[in-house]
C-alpha atoms as a PDB file:
ATOM      1  CA  MET A   1     -24.115 -53.256 -16.906  1.00  0.00           C
ATOM      2  CA  GLN A   2     -27.245 -54.865 -15.601  1.00  0.00           C
ATOM      3  CA  PHE A   3     -30.728 -52.284 -15.641  1.00  0.00           C
ATOM      4  CA  ILE A   4     -34.039 -52.825 -14.013  1.00  0.00           C
ATOM      5  CA  ILE A   5     -36.344 -51.380 -17.087  1.00  0.00           C
ATOM      6  CA  GLU A   6     -39.851 -50.093 -16.285  1.00  0.00           C
ATOM      7  CA  GLY A   7     -42.516 -49.027 -19.034  1.00  0.00           C
ATOM      8  CA  MET A   8     -42.181 -51.689 -21.496  1.00  0.00           C
ATOM      9  CA  SER A   9     -45.672 -53.097 -22.020  1.00  0.00           C
ATOM     10  CA  CYS A  10     -44.342 -55.415 -25.612  1.00  0.00           C
ATOM     11  CA  GLU A  11     -41.838 -57.047 -27.857  1.00  0.00           C
ATOM     12  CA  ALA A  12     -41.744 -53.814 -30.152  1.00  0.00           C
ATOM     13  CA  CYS A  13     -40.752 -51.703 -26.807  1.00  0.00           C
ATOM     14  CA  VAL A  14     -37.764 -54.303 -26.675  1.00  0.00           C
ATOM     15  CA  ARG A  15     -36.876 -53.921 -30.053  1.00  0.00           C
ATOM     16  CA  HIS A  16     -37.458 -50.054 -29.601  1.00  0.00           C
ATOM     17  CA  LEU A  17     -34.978 -49.808 -26.613  1.00  0.00           C
ATOM     18  CA  THR A  18     -32.325 -52.404 -28.154  1.00  0.00           C
ATOM     19  CA  GLY A  19     -32.274 -50.325 -30.983  1.00  0.00           C
ATOM     20  CA  ALA A  20     -31.858 -47.329 -29.545  1.00  0.00           C
ATOM     21  CA  TRP A  21     -29.091 -48.769 -26.762  1.00  0.00           C
ATOM     22  CA  SER A  22     -27.511 -50.177 -29.758  1.00  0.00           C
ATOM     23  CA  GLU A  23     -26.561 -47.137 -31.337  1.00  0.00           C
ATOM     24  CA  VAL A  24     -24.845 -45.347 -28.703  1.00  0.00           C
ATOM     25  CA  PRO A  25     -20.943 -45.721 -29.647  1.00  0.00           C
ATOM     26  CA  GLY A  26     -18.914 -48.001 -27.129  1.00  0.00           C
ATOM     27  CA  VAL A  27     -21.819 -50.469 -27.023  1.00  0.00           C
ATOM     28  CA  THR A  28     -20.859 -53.811 -28.269  1.00  0.00           C
ATOM     29  CA  GLU A  29     -24.099 -55.705 -27.034  1.00  0.00           C
ATOM     30  CA  VAL A  30     -27.721 -55.285 -25.955  1.00  0.00           C
ATOM     31  CA  ARG A  31     -30.077 -58.055 -24.524  1.00  0.00           C
ATOM     32  CA  VAL A  32     -33.496 -56.601 -23.347  1.00  0.00           C
ATOM     33  CA  ASP A  33     -35.848 -58.807 -21.875  1.00  0.00           C
ATOM     34  CA  LEU A  34     -39.521 -57.733 -21.422  1.00  0.00           C
ATOM     35  CA  ALA A  35     -40.662 -60.789 -18.961  1.00  0.00           C
ATOM     36  CA  ALA A  36     -37.811 -59.991 -16.715  1.00  0.00           C
ATOM     37  CA  ALA A  37     -38.364 -55.824 -17.061  1.00  0.00           C
ATOM     38  CA  SER A  38     -34.631 -56.079 -17.511  1.00  0.00           C
ATOM     39  CA  GLY A  39     -31.943 -54.942 -19.517  1.00  0.00           C
ATOM     40  CA  HIS A  40     -28.091 -55.948 -20.083  1.00  0.00           C
ATOM     41  CA  VAL A  41     -25.318 -53.898 -21.710  1.00  0.00           C
ATOM     42  CA  THR A  42     -21.576 -54.792 -22.671  1.00  0.00           C
ATOM     43  CA  GLY A  43     -19.367 -51.942 -23.673  1.00  0.00           C
ATOM     44  CA  ALA A  44     -17.605 -48.877 -22.785  1.00  0.00           C
ATOM     45  CA  VAL A  45     -20.170 -46.651 -21.975  1.00  0.00           C
ATOM     46  CA  GLU A  46     -21.776 -44.438 -18.932  1.00  0.00           C
ATOM     47  CA  PRO A  47     -24.771 -45.745 -17.411  1.00  0.00           C
ATOM     48  CA  GLY A  48     -26.225 -42.188 -16.917  1.00  0.00           C
ATOM     49  CA  THR A  49     -26.020 -42.466 -21.019  1.00  0.00           C
ATOM     50  CA  LEU A  50     -28.467 -45.329 -21.240  1.00  0.00           C
ATOM     51  CA  ILE A  51     -30.321 -44.009 -18.728  1.00  0.00           C
ATOM     52  CA  ALA A  52     -30.933 -40.931 -20.367  1.00  0.00           C
ATOM     53  CA  ILE A  53     -31.484 -42.672 -23.395  1.00  0.00           C
ATOM     54  CA  ALA A  54     -34.366 -44.881 -22.039  1.00  0.00           C
ATOM     55  CA  ALA A  55     -36.034 -42.015 -20.276  1.00  0.00           C
ATOM     56  CA  ASP A  56     -36.016 -40.076 -23.938  1.00  0.00           C
ATOM     57  CA  GLU A  57     -37.831 -43.066 -25.004  1.00  0.00           C
ATOM     58  CA  GLY A  58     -40.265 -43.363 -22.570  1.00  0.00           C
ATOM     59  CA  TYR A  59     -38.952 -45.875 -20.160  1.00  0.00           C
ATOM     60  CA  VAL A  60     -37.572 -45.504 -16.660  1.00  0.00           C
ATOM     61  CA  ALA A  61     -34.068 -47.577 -16.289  1.00  0.00           C
ATOM     62  CA  ARG A  62     -32.182 -47.544 -13.175  1.00  0.00           C
ATOM     63  CA  LEU A  63     -29.114 -49.876 -12.663  1.00  0.00           C
ATOM     64  CA  ALA A  64     -29.769 -52.995 -10.928  1.00  0.00           C
END
């Protein structure tokens, strides 16, 4: 799944969101790109779950 992510301002944000998404059961790979304001998640997980986690962490994510 490819996401557009708003609200990231630094590499710490990237690490923070990558870590949060990586802990979700069913997620097998997470790549977050600050410059592209995007994220890619592989695994058996609902997009809404990842969007909600991003919101809890202070970011706005939506499917690309």
